[in-house]
């Protein structure tokens, strides 16, 4: 409803109150990123050889999975049952702890896909709970659960129990940062959402990069994960530190709860007088609006599919999420394939996200559709070009550079689709809609580890031509699909399904003064 944006403008749409909230959520993001990317070091596969008496061996297989024994008259090929691992980079990973090599190699991919399966359900459930119980409650509970499960995970002694912890951990992890994003977007107005949405993940990139330091100095996946999980307990204090989303409270018919929050915002932002004047002049209208809004309490994500226009938009943007998530994790999880040690390569991959988010901010100021489509085209061109280059050492740097440009671009895509998706859905189901799209995206994430394990290597895989073409073609296809989704730049966030389904030309478009820039074209 337009009245909420009027109240937020009167209270200050960007000031100390917003920055206080953003600061705490961004701090949490820093460590949430480490939890998300820790798999790069947890599943690191060092060099290994079969643990067998050398005097008894006639020959070994090239992959060290089999050896041949001879008693003088006959030779027998036997599968290796135990291994010796190189500890020069990581002293212990889940691969070395549970021997996830040779015939057990796919179990390593199972670990990452289990994590992504948790993302799938976490994104969906967090949206439901967030739209029903509030943004702050979900951020507090899921963030605290992330810390607890992260610590429990390091004490697991069996691989199945480890997988259970990974599933629950990822469920809580995605709920925390996805709902945190929605909360931040709802605390400001359209004229600030470009840079808030794009810069939201800057702490994520910093955490991604900093993870290399934790891994470098600790070298043990258990110690590393314990170290990055403990700081996330700060989310428990968010119950007292963070506000609930006033926009969510208004749509739930809780104006009496939203007004004190906005009054506090106005006080901290130095807008108390303007806010009080607005409330006094519109109190009666808002009282009526509160009574009308009680009927919205029964909305949930299933309502999206009862509205044809919203269902089609949800499907289209979900396809973009699917490809973006698959390609993002396909590159992120394969830093081991790049030249150089894993610590440096992970730091470089994380550092490449920083300019990616800056690129997203710049393109979002132009429009949501251009931001998504242009970055996906760059990704597609880079990934298709990589396998086309000669497989000689002189071209390795070029191939690596193209992979990093692709990483930068797909990072920008991720930031852009978060903003675009949040603006497509009405407040009553915004986080649920985000959850549906995010969940579809995680199906792509679940496929990435298997593609990586079987064939994806930027440097030297003989099967890379096929896999890279798949990623590249999908990226270009997703770019085309993204152009079918309505543009939402300079349009007020919809509150109801009627608002969201209204043609863009009939939606409230901000003026030059309101949006702080040029008029919408």
Protein backbone atom coordinates (compact mmCIF):
# COMPACT_ATOMS: atom_id res chain seq x y z
CA UNK A 1 0.00 0.00 0.00
CA UNK A 2 1.28 3.46 -0.92
CA UNK A 3 0.52 4.75 2.60
CA UNK A 4 3.27 2.59 4.05
CA UNK A 5 5.90 4.11 1.75
CA UNK A 6 4.61 7.55 2.75
CA UNK A 7 5.10 6.67 6.42
CA UNK A 8 8.54 5.23 5.76
CA UNK A 9 9.56 8.35 3.84
CA UNK A 10 8.33 10.49 6.72
CA UNK A 11 10.29 8.36 9.20
CA UNK A 12 13.38 8.43 6.97
CA UNK A 13 13.81 5.84 4.22
CA UNK A 14 17.57 5.66 4.81
CA UNK A 15 19.34 6.70 7.98
CA UNK A 16 20.95 5.47 11.22
CA UNK A 17 17.98 3.20 11.99
CA UNK A 18 18.32 1.31 8.72
CA UNK A 19 22.11 1.18 8.91
CA UNK A 20 21.93 -0.25 12.44
CA UNK A 21 19.80 -3.13 11.18
CA UNK A 22 21.79 -3.63 8.00
CA UNK A 23 25.05 -3.64 9.97
CA UNK A 24 24.01 -6.51 12.21
CA UNK A 25 22.59 -8.57 9.38
CA UNK A 26 25.71 -7.94 7.29
CA UNK A 27 27.89 -9.10 10.20
CA UNK A 28 25.92 -12.34 10.27
CA UNK A 29 26.26 -12.61 6.49
CA UNK A 30 30.05 -12.62 6.82
CA UNK A 31 30.02 -15.91 8.73
CA UNK A 32 26.99 -17.36 6.95
CA UNK A 33 29.07 -17.17 3.76
CA UNK A 34 31.82 -19.21 5.37
CA UNK A 35 29.31 -21.88 6.36
CA UNK A 36 28.05 -21.99 2.79
CA UNK A 37 31.46 -22.17 1.09
CA UNK A 38 33.26 -24.29 3.72
CA UNK A 39 32.54 -27.34 1.57
CA UNK A 40 35.40 -26.28 -0.73
CA UNK A 41 37.88 -27.20 2.00
CA UNK A 42 35.80 -29.85 3.75
CA UNK A 43 35.58 -31.91 0.55
CA UNK A 44 39.07 -31.13 -0.68
CA UNK A 45 40.61 -34.26 -2.20
CA UNK A 46 44.38 -34.37 -1.69
CA UNK A 47 46.75 -36.63 -3.56
CA UNK A 48 46.62 -40.18 -2.26
CA UNK A 49 47.98 -43.66 -2.77
CA UNK A 50 46.94 -47.10 -1.72
CA UNK A 51 48.14 -48.08 1.75
CA UNK A 52 49.78 -51.44 1.03
CA UNK A 53 53.19 -53.02 1.47
CA UNK A 54 55.20 -51.93 -1.58
CA UNK A 55 57.15 -55.22 -1.62
CA UNK A 56 53.98 -57.17 -2.40
CA UNK A 57 52.80 -55.03 -5.30
CA UNK A 58 53.46 -55.92 -8.91
CA UNK A 59 51.69 -52.84 -10.30
CA UNK A 60 49.22 -50.09 -9.42
CA UNK A 61 46.35 -48.60 -11.42
CA UNK A 62 46.82 -45.01 -12.55
CA UNK A 63 44.09 -43.77 -10.17
CA UNK A 64 45.57 -45.70 -7.19
CA UNK A 65 42.27 -47.54 -6.73
CA UNK A 66 43.57 -50.99 -7.61
CA UNK A 67 46.81 -52.88 -7.21
CA UNK A 68 48.06 -56.20 -8.52
CA UNK A 69 49.55 -58.89 -6.28
CA UNK A 70 51.51 -61.92 -7.45
CA UNK A 71 52.53 -65.13 -5.69
CA UNK A 72 54.98 -66.01 -8.42
CA UNK A 73 52.65 -68.02 -10.62
CA UNK A 74 49.42 -65.99 -10.69
CA UNK A 75 48.56 -62.29 -10.45
CA UNK A 76 45.43 -60.89 -8.83
CA UNK A 77 43.94 -57.39 -9.09
CA UNK A 78 42.52 -56.14 -5.79
CA UNK A 79 40.59 -52.99 -4.92
CA UNK A 80 42.37 -50.80 -2.42
CA UNK A 81 40.65 -50.59 0.99
CA UNK A 82 42.76 -47.96 2.77
CA UNK A 83 44.74 -44.97 1.61
CA UNK A 84 47.59 -42.66 2.54
CA UNK A 85 46.84 -38.98 1.91
CA UNK A 86 49.07 -36.01 1.23
CA UNK A 87 48.65 -33.60 4.17
CA UNK A 88 50.61 -30.68 2.75
CA UNK A 89 47.44 -28.61 2.18
CA UNK A 90 44.72 -29.99 4.47
CA UNK A 91 45.49 -32.37 7.33
CA UNK A 92 41.92 -33.66 7.52
CA UNK A 93 38.88 -33.36 5.25
CA UNK A 94 35.74 -35.45 5.02
CA UNK A 95 37.37 -37.18 2.04
CA UNK A 96 40.35 -38.33 4.11
CA UNK A 97 38.27 -39.08 7.20
CA UNK A 98 35.81 -41.39 5.44
CA UNK A 99 37.94 -42.41 2.41
CA UNK A 100 35.64 -40.82 -0.16
CA UNK A 101 37.80 -41.76 -3.14
CA UNK A 102 37.74 -44.39 -5.88
CA UNK A 103 34.51 -46.41 -5.59
CA UNK A 104 33.32 -44.09 -2.80
CA UNK A 105 34.03 -40.88 -4.71
CA UNK A 106 30.38 -40.14 -5.50
CA UNK A 107 29.61 -40.05 -1.77
CA UNK A 108 31.53 -36.78 -1.66
CA UNK A 109 29.09 -35.38 -4.20
CA UNK A 110 26.29 -36.79 -2.04
CA UNK A 111 27.51 -34.59 0.82
CA UNK A 112 27.23 -31.41 -1.24
CA UNK A 113 23.93 -32.40 -2.81
CA UNK A 114 22.54 -33.11 0.65
CA UNK A 115 23.60 -29.60 1.62
CA UNK A 116 21.83 -28.22 -1.45
CA UNK A 117 18.74 -30.31 -0.66
CA UNK A 118 18.64 -28.53 2.68
CA UNK A 119 18.77 -25.26 0.75
CA UNK A 120 15.79 -26.40 -1.29
CA UNK A 121 13.57 -27.10 1.72
CA UNK A 122 15.04 -24.27 3.79
CA UNK A 123 14.24 -21.63 1.18
CA UNK A 124 10.69 -22.90 0.85
CA UNK A 125 9.97 -23.31 4.57
CA UNK A 126 11.64 -20.06 5.59
CA UNK A 127 9.39 -18.19 3.19
CA UNK A 128 6.29 -19.81 4.66
CA UNK A 129 7.34 -19.16 8.26
CA UNK A 130 8.58 -15.66 7.53
CA UNK A 131 5.33 -14.60 5.87
CA UNK A 132 3.34 -16.17 8.69
CA UNK A 133 5.34 -15.33 11.83
CA UNK A 134 7.56 -12.43 10.78
CA UNK A 135 11.01 -11.74 9.34
CA UNK A 136 12.83 -11.18 12.62
CA UNK A 137 11.72 -14.45 14.23
CA UNK A 138 12.99 -16.48 11.28
CA UNK A 139 16.34 -14.64 11.19
CA UNK A 140 16.87 -15.18 14.94
CA UNK A 141 15.83 -18.83 15.05
CA UNK A 142 17.54 -19.91 11.82
CA UNK A 143 20.76 -18.03 12.59
CA UNK A 144 21.02 -19.53 16.06
CA UNK A 145 20.26 -22.98 14.63
CA UNK A 146 23.05 -22.49 12.06
CA UNK A 147 25.56 -21.94 14.85
CA UNK A 148 24.37 -24.90 16.94
CA UNK A 149 24.22 -27.32 14.01
CA UNK A 150 27.61 -26.17 12.76
CA UNK A 151 29.15 -27.08 16.11
CA UNK A 152 27.26 -30.39 16.32
CA UNK A 153 28.46 -31.30 12.84
CA UNK A 154 32.12 -31.28 13.83
CA UNK A 155 31.43 -33.96 16.45
CA UNK A 156 29.82 -36.44 14.06
CA UNK A 157 31.56 -39.81 13.88
CA UNK A 158 29.61 -41.45 11.05
CA UNK A 159 29.05 -40.29 7.49
CA UNK A 160 25.23 -40.75 7.56
CA UNK A 161 25.01 -38.62 10.72
CA UNK A 162 27.24 -36.06 9.05
CA UNK A 163 24.83 -35.90 6.10
CA UNK A 164 21.88 -35.31 8.44
CA UNK A 165 23.72 -32.43 10.10
CA UNK A 166 24.64 -30.98 6.70
CA UNK A 167 21.03 -31.08 5.58
CA UNK A 168 19.71 -29.33 8.70
CA UNK A 169 22.60 -26.86 8.69
CA UNK A 170 21.94 -25.74 5.13
CA UNK A 171 18.21 -25.52 5.83
CA UNK A 172 18.89 -23.04 8.64
CA UNK A 173 21.66 -21.25 6.73
CA UNK A 174 19.58 -20.32 3.69
CA UNK A 175 16.62 -19.34 5.87
CA UNK A 176 18.79 -16.85 7.74
CA UNK A 177 20.33 -14.96 4.84
CA UNK A 178 17.33 -15.18 2.50
CA UNK A 179 14.95 -13.78 5.12
CA UNK A 180 17.58 -11.25 6.19
CA UNK A 181 17.64 -9.99 2.61
CA UNK A 182 13.86 -9.56 2.54
CA UNK A 183 13.95 -7.72 5.88
CA UNK A 184 16.55 -5.26 4.59
CA UNK A 185 14.61 -4.64 1.39
CA UNK A 186 11.42 -3.93 3.33
CA UNK A 187 13.06 -1.38 5.63
CA UNK A 188 13.69 1.08 2.81
CA UNK A 189 11.98 2.48 -0.28
CA UNK A 190 12.47 2.06 -4.01
CA UNK A 191 15.06 4.80 -4.40
CA UNK A 192 17.50 2.89 -2.16
CA UNK A 193 16.77 -0.70 -3.18
CA UNK A 194 19.21 -0.64 -6.11
CA UNK A 195 22.30 -0.31 -3.95
CA UNK A 196 20.92 -2.05 -0.85
CA UNK A 197 20.05 -5.13 -2.89
CA UNK A 198 23.35 -5.13 -4.76
CA UNK A 199 25.57 -4.36 -1.77
CA UNK A 200 23.75 -6.74 0.59
CA UNK A 201 26.14 -9.54 -0.31
CA UNK A 202 29.38 -7.58 0.00
CA UNK A 203 29.91 -9.07 3.50
CA UNK A 204 29.16 -12.46 1.94
CA UNK A 205 32.02 -11.98 -0.52
CA UNK A 206 34.30 -10.84 2.30
CA UNK A 207 33.44 -13.93 4.33
CA UNK A 208 33.93 -16.11 1.25
CA UNK A 209 37.43 -14.68 0.78
CA UNK A 210 38.34 -14.74 4.49
CA UNK A 211 37.47 -18.43 4.73
CA UNK A 212 40.81 -19.15 3.06
CA UNK A 213 42.59 -17.68 6.11
CA UNK A 214 40.67 -19.91 8.52
CA UNK A 215 41.41 -22.97 6.38
CA UNK A 216 45.06 -22.03 5.88
CA UNK A 217 45.83 -21.65 9.58
CA UNK A 218 43.65 -24.51 10.88
CA UNK A 219 43.99 -27.09 8.05
CA UNK A 220 41.44 -29.39 9.74
CA UNK A 221 37.82 -29.29 8.60
CA UNK A 222 36.50 -29.85 12.13
CA UNK A 223 38.50 -27.03 13.69
CA UNK A 224 37.72 -24.74 10.78
CA UNK A 225 33.98 -25.33 10.96
CA UNK A 226 33.86 -24.86 14.72
CA UNK A 227 35.72 -21.55 14.36
CA UNK A 228 33.29 -20.17 11.76
CA UNK A 229 30.16 -21.44 13.55
CA UNK A 230 30.67 -19.89 16.99
CA UNK A 231 30.38 -16.21 15.87
CA UNK A 232 26.98 -16.93 14.28
CA UNK A 233 25.56 -17.24 17.80
CA UNK A 234 25.28 -13.44 17.64
CA UNK A 235 21.96 -14.07 15.87
CA UNK A 236 20.43 -14.95 19.23
CA UNK A 237 20.95 -11.34 20.29
CA UNK A 238 19.08 -10.14 17.20
CA UNK A 239 15.85 -10.67 19.15
CA UNK A 240 16.72 -7.48 21.04
CA UNK A 241 18.87 -5.75 18.41
CA UNK A 242 16.69 -5.92 15.29
CA UNK A 243 13.22 -4.55 14.50
CA UNK A 244 10.45 -6.53 12.88
CA UNK A 245 9.59 -5.42 9.35
CA UNK A 246 6.96 -2.65 9.65
CA UNK A 247 5.88 -3.38 6.07
CA UNK A 248 5.13 -6.98 7.02
CA UNK A 249 3.23 -5.88 10.15
CA UNK A 250 1.11 -3.44 8.15
CA UNK A 251 0.12 -6.11 5.62
CA UNK A 252 -0.77 -8.43 8.51
CA UNK A 253 -3.14 -5.87 9.97
CA UNK A 254 -0.86 -4.99 12.89
CA UNK A 255 -0.65 -1.27 12.47
CA UNK A 256 -0.63 -0.82 16.25
CA UNK A 257 2.68 -2.75 16.31
CA UNK A 258 4.14 -1.12 13.20
CA UNK A 259 3.66 2.48 14.35
CA UNK A 260 5.98 2.25 17.41
CA UNK A 261 8.69 0.69 15.23
CA UNK A 262 8.37 3.47 12.67
CA UNK A 263 8.27 6.08 15.43
CA UNK A 264 11.59 4.74 16.75
CA UNK A 265 12.99 4.84 13.21
CA UNK A 266 11.85 8.45 12.85
CA UNK A 267 13.52 9.37 16.15
CA UNK A 268 16.85 7.77 15.24
CA UNK A 269 16.72 9.26 11.74
CA UNK A 270 15.86 12.73 13.04
CA UNK A 271 12.41 12.77 11.39
CA UNK A 272 10.15 12.67 14.45
CA UNK A 273 8.25 15.84 13.62
CA UNK A 274 7.53 14.87 10.00
CA UNK A 275 6.40 11.40 11.04
CA UNK A 276 4.10 12.64 13.80
CA UNK A 277 2.50 15.17 11.46
CA UNK A 278 1.79 12.47 8.87
CA UNK A 279 0.31 10.04 11.41
CA UNK A 280 -1.95 12.70 12.92
CA UNK A 281 -3.30 13.65 9.50
CA UNK A 282 -3.93 10.07 8.33
CA UNK A 283 -4.77 8.15 11.53
CA UNK A 284 -8.39 7.47 10.56
CA UNK A 285 -7.53 6.14 7.10
CA UNK A 286 -4.90 3.81 8.50
CA UNK A 287 -7.32 2.49 11.14
CA UNK A 288 -9.68 1.47 8.37
CA UNK A 289 -6.82 0.03 6.37
CA UNK A 290 -5.83 -2.12 9.34
CA UNK A 291 -9.30 -3.63 9.48
CA UNK A 292 -9.23 -4.39 5.77
CA UNK A 293 -5.81 -6.02 6.04
CA UNK A 294 -7.02 -8.67 8.50
CA UNK A 295 -8.33 -10.63 5.52
CA UNK A 296 -4.77 -11.05 4.21
CA UNK A 297 -3.74 -13.32 7.07
CA UNK A 298 -4.71 -16.43 5.14
CA UNK A 299 -2.39 -15.75 2.18
CA UNK A 300 0.42 -18.22 1.55
CA UNK A 301 2.68 -19.23 -1.31
CA UNK A 302 -0.01 -21.49 -2.84
CA UNK A 303 -1.93 -18.31 -3.65
CA UNK A 304 0.81 -17.51 -6.18
CA UNK A 305 -0.34 -20.40 -8.35
CA UNK A 306 -4.00 -19.37 -8.12
CA UNK A 307 -3.16 -16.18 -9.98
CA UNK A 308 -2.17 -17.01 -13.55
CA UNK A 309 -0.03 -13.94 -14.16
CA UNK A 310 1.94 -14.41 -10.94
CA UNK A 311 2.32 -18.15 -11.60
CA UNK A 312 3.84 -17.50 -15.04
CA UNK A 313 6.21 -14.87 -13.64
CA UNK A 314 7.20 -17.23 -10.84
CA UNK A 315 7.95 -19.99 -13.35
CA UNK A 316 10.05 -17.72 -15.57
CA UNK A 317 12.15 -16.22 -12.79
CA UNK A 318 12.54 -19.71 -11.24
CA UNK A 319 14.12 -20.96 -14.45
CA UNK A 320 16.63 -18.13 -14.24
CA UNK A 321 17.31 -19.08 -10.60
CA UNK A 322 17.85 -22.72 -11.64
CA UNK A 323 20.55 -21.89 -14.17
CA UNK A 324 22.20 -19.17 -12.10
CA UNK A 325 22.50 -21.38 -9.04
CA UNK A 326 23.83 -24.34 -11.04
CA UNK A 327 26.51 -22.29 -12.78
CA UNK A 328 27.48 -20.36 -9.63
CA UNK A 329 28.16 -23.51 -7.64
CA UNK A 330 29.58 -25.30 -10.66
CA UNK A 331 32.38 -22.71 -10.74
CA UNK A 332 32.69 -22.15 -6.98
CA UNK A 333 33.10 -25.82 -6.12
CA UNK A 334 35.83 -26.34 -8.71
CA UNK A 335 38.57 -24.02 -7.48
CA UNK A 336 40.60 -27.20 -6.95
CA UNK A 337 40.76 -27.51 -10.74
CA UNK A 338 42.44 -24.13 -11.14
CA UNK A 339 46.23 -23.73 -11.14
CA UNK A 340 47.72 -22.82 -7.75
CA UNK A 341 46.94 -23.92 -4.20
CA UNK A 342 43.36 -24.19 -3.03
CA UNK A 343 43.67 -21.40 -0.43
CA UNK A 344 44.73 -18.81 -2.98
CA UNK A 345 42.20 -19.95 -5.56
CA UNK A 346 39.31 -19.82 -3.10
CA UNK A 347 40.40 -16.34 -2.00
CA UNK A 348 40.54 -15.22 -5.64
CA UNK A 349 37.12 -16.71 -6.36
CA UNK A 350 35.70 -14.90 -3.33
CA UNK A 351 37.43 -11.64 -4.20
CA UNK A 352 35.92 -11.79 -7.68
CA UNK A 353 32.50 -11.53 -6.06
CA UNK A 354 33.24 -8.01 -4.81
CA UNK A 355 33.40 -6.40 -8.28
CA UNK A 356 30.49 -8.68 -9.21
CA UNK A 357 28.26 -7.00 -6.63
CA UNK A 358 29.48 -3.56 -7.70
CA UNK A 359 28.61 -4.48 -11.29
CA UNK A 360 25.17 -5.58 -10.09
CA UNK A 361 24.57 -2.21 -8.41
CA UNK A 362 25.52 -0.32 -11.57
CA UNK A 363 23.34 -2.47 -13.82
CA UNK A 364 20.40 -2.46 -11.38
CA UNK A 365 20.34 1.33 -11.69
CA UNK A 366 19.72 0.78 -15.39
CA UNK A 367 17.06 -1.88 -14.86
CA UNK A 368 16.40 -5.31 -13.38
CA UNK A 369 16.03 -7.15 -16.67
CA UNK A 370 19.19 -5.68 -18.22
CA UNK A 371 21.15 -6.52 -15.05
CA UNK A 372 20.12 -10.18 -15.19
CA UNK A 373 20.28 -10.70 -18.95
CA UNK A 374 23.58 -8.92 -19.61
CA UNK A 375 25.45 -10.74 -16.84
CA UNK A 376 24.09 -14.10 -17.99
CA UNK A 377 25.21 -13.40 -21.56
CA UNK A 378 28.73 -12.66 -20.27
CA UNK A 379 28.69 -15.90 -18.27
CA UNK A 380 27.51 -17.91 -21.26
CA UNK A 381 30.13 -16.48 -23.61
CA UNK A 382 32.97 -17.10 -21.14
CA UNK A 383 31.97 -20.70 -20.39
CA UNK A 384 31.48 -21.59 -24.03
CA UNK A 385 34.85 -20.06 -24.93
CA UNK A 386 36.84 -21.98 -22.28
CA UNK A 387 36.69 -25.45 -23.89
CA UNK A 388 37.28 -23.92 -27.32
CA UNK A 389 40.78 -22.82 -26.36
CA UNK A 390 43.78 -25.11 -27.04
CA UNK A 391 44.67 -27.49 -24.21
CA UNK A 392 48.24 -26.32 -23.86
CA UNK A 393 49.89 -24.69 -20.87
CA UNK A 394 50.22 -21.27 -22.48
CA UNK A 395 46.41 -20.98 -22.58
CA UNK A 396 45.80 -22.07 -18.97
CA UNK A 397 45.97 -18.51 -17.66
CA UNK A 398 43.47 -17.36 -20.28
CA UNK A 399 41.11 -20.21 -19.41
CA UNK A 400 41.45 -19.41 -15.73
CA UNK A 401 40.77 -15.74 -16.43
CA UNK A 402 37.61 -16.55 -18.38
CA UNK A 403 36.43 -18.75 -15.53
CA UNK A 404 36.94 -15.89 -13.06
CA UNK A 405 35.10 -13.43 -15.33
CA UNK A 406 32.28 -15.95 -15.48
CA UNK A 407 32.36 -16.18 -11.68
CA UNK A 408 32.20 -12.39 -11.39
CA UNK A 409 29.28 -12.18 -13.80
CA UNK A 410 27.21 -14.99 -12.31
CA UNK A 411 27.71 -13.38 -8.90
CA UNK A 412 26.22 -10.18 -10.31
CA UNK A 413 23.35 -12.23 -11.71
CA UNK A 414 22.64 -13.67 -8.27
CA UNK A 415 22.51 -10.22 -6.69
CA UNK A 416 20.25 -8.93 -9.46
CA UNK A 417 17.72 -11.77 -9.36
CA UNK A 418 17.39 -11.42 -5.59
CA UNK A 419 16.33 -7.80 -6.06
CA UNK A 420 14.14 -8.50 -9.07
CA UNK A 421 12.38 -11.42 -7.38
CA UNK A 422 11.72 -9.49 -4.17
CA UNK A 423 10.06 -6.73 -6.20
CA UNK A 424 7.89 -9.10 -8.25
CA UNK A 425 5.95 -10.62 -5.37
CA UNK A 426 3.49 -8.79 -3.10
CA UNK A 427 4.36 -8.31 0.57
CA UNK A 428 1.80 -10.88 1.74
CA UNK A 429 3.78 -13.68 0.04
CA UNK A 430 7.09 -11.97 -0.74
CA UNK A 431 9.33 -14.29 1.27
CA UNK A 432 7.27 -17.32 0.23
CA UNK A 433 7.69 -16.34 -3.41
CA UNK A 434 11.40 -15.82 -2.87
CA UNK A 435 11.48 -19.24 -1.24
CA UNK A 436 9.82 -20.97 -4.18
CA UNK A 437 12.26 -19.43 -6.67
CA UNK A 438 15.23 -20.06 -4.40
CA UNK A 439 14.17 -23.70 -3.97
CA UNK A 440 13.98 -24.25 -7.71
CA UNK A 441 17.43 -22.71 -7.96
CA UNK A 442 18.76 -25.19 -5.43
CA UNK A 443 17.78 -28.06 -7.70
CA UNK A 444 20.40 -26.66 -10.05
CA UNK A 445 22.82 -26.47 -7.13
CA UNK A 446 22.19 -30.13 -6.34
CA UNK A 447 23.12 -31.10 -9.89
CA UNK A 448 26.36 -29.09 -9.89
CA UNK A 449 28.41 -31.44 -7.63
CA UNK A 450 27.66 -34.45 -9.83
CA UNK A 451 28.55 -32.60 -13.01
CA UNK A 452 31.73 -31.45 -11.28
CA UNK A 453 32.64 -34.90 -10.00
CA UNK A 454 32.05 -36.61 -13.33
CA UNK A 455 33.46 -34.16 -15.82
CA UNK A 456 33.80 -30.47 -14.98
CA UNK A 457 37.37 -29.26 -14.79
CA UNK A 458 38.36 -25.90 -16.21
CA UNK A 459 41.94 -26.98 -16.70
CA UNK A 460 42.38 -30.47 -18.01
CA UNK A 461 39.26 -32.64 -18.18
CA UNK A 462 38.69 -34.45 -21.47
CA UNK A 463 34.95 -34.19 -20.84
CA UNK A 464 35.00 -30.46 -20.22
CA UNK A 465 33.79 -29.58 -23.74
CA UNK A 466 30.38 -31.10 -23.15
CA UNK A 467 29.89 -29.84 -19.59
CA UNK A 468 31.07 -26.30 -20.30
CA UNK A 469 28.84 -26.08 -23.35
CA UNK A 470 25.90 -27.17 -21.21
CA UNK A 471 26.60 -24.42 -18.67
CA UNK A 472 27.18 -21.83 -21.37
CA UNK A 473 24.11 -22.65 -23.44
CA UNK A 474 21.92 -22.75 -20.33
CA UNK A 475 23.22 -19.32 -19.31
CA UNK A 476 22.37 -17.81 -22.69
CA UNK A 477 18.94 -19.46 -22.60
CA UNK A 478 18.29 -18.07 -19.12
CA UNK A 479 19.28 -14.61 -20.37
CA UNK A 480 16.54 -14.84 -23.00
CA UNK A 481 13.99 -16.05 -20.43
CA UNK A 482 14.82 -13.16 -18.08
CA UNK A 483 13.67 -10.68 -20.74
CA UNK A 484 10.14 -12.10 -20.44
CA UNK A 485 9.85 -11.05 -16.78
CA UNK A 486 8.35 -7.56 -16.16
CA UNK A 487 10.68 -4.70 -15.30
CA UNK A 488 10.27 -3.51 -11.68
CA UNK A 489 12.74 -0.63 -11.46
CA UNK A 490 11.19 2.61 -10.15
CA UNK A 491 7.96 0.78 -9.29
CA UNK A 492 6.68 0.69 -5.72
CA UNK A 493 6.77 -2.70 -4.02
CA UNK A 494 3.35 -4.36 -4.46
CA UNK A 495 1.41 -5.16 -1.29
CA UNK A 496 -1.43 -7.28 -2.72
CA UNK A 497 -1.83 -9.65 -5.65
CA UNK A 498 -3.89 -6.98 -7.36
CA UNK A 499 -0.95 -4.57 -7.10
CA UNK A 500 1.52 -7.17 -8.40
CA UNK A 501 -0.60 -8.23 -11.39
CA UNK A 502 -1.39 -4.70 -12.52
CA UNK A 503 0.32 -3.87 -15.85
CA UNK A 504 3.62 -2.07 -15.29
CA UNK A 505 2.33 0.99 -17.11
CA UNK A 506 -0.46 1.28 -14.52
CA UNK A 507 1.74 0.79 -11.47
CA UNK A 508 2.93 3.67 -9.36
CA UNK A 509 6.18 4.83 -10.92
CA UNK A 510 8.38 7.12 -8.87
CA UNK A 511 9.07 10.62 -10.02
CA UNK A 512 12.54 12.04 -10.53
CA UNK A 513 12.56 13.55 -7.03
CA UNK A 514 11.24 10.43 -5.30
CA UNK A 515 13.73 8.04 -6.83
CA UNK A 516 16.71 10.37 -6.77
CA UNK A 517 17.56 9.88 -10.46
CA UNK A 518 16.32 10.12 -14.01
CA UNK A 519 12.71 9.41 -14.90
CA UNK A 520 11.81 5.88 -15.85
CA UNK A 521 11.85 5.28 -19.55
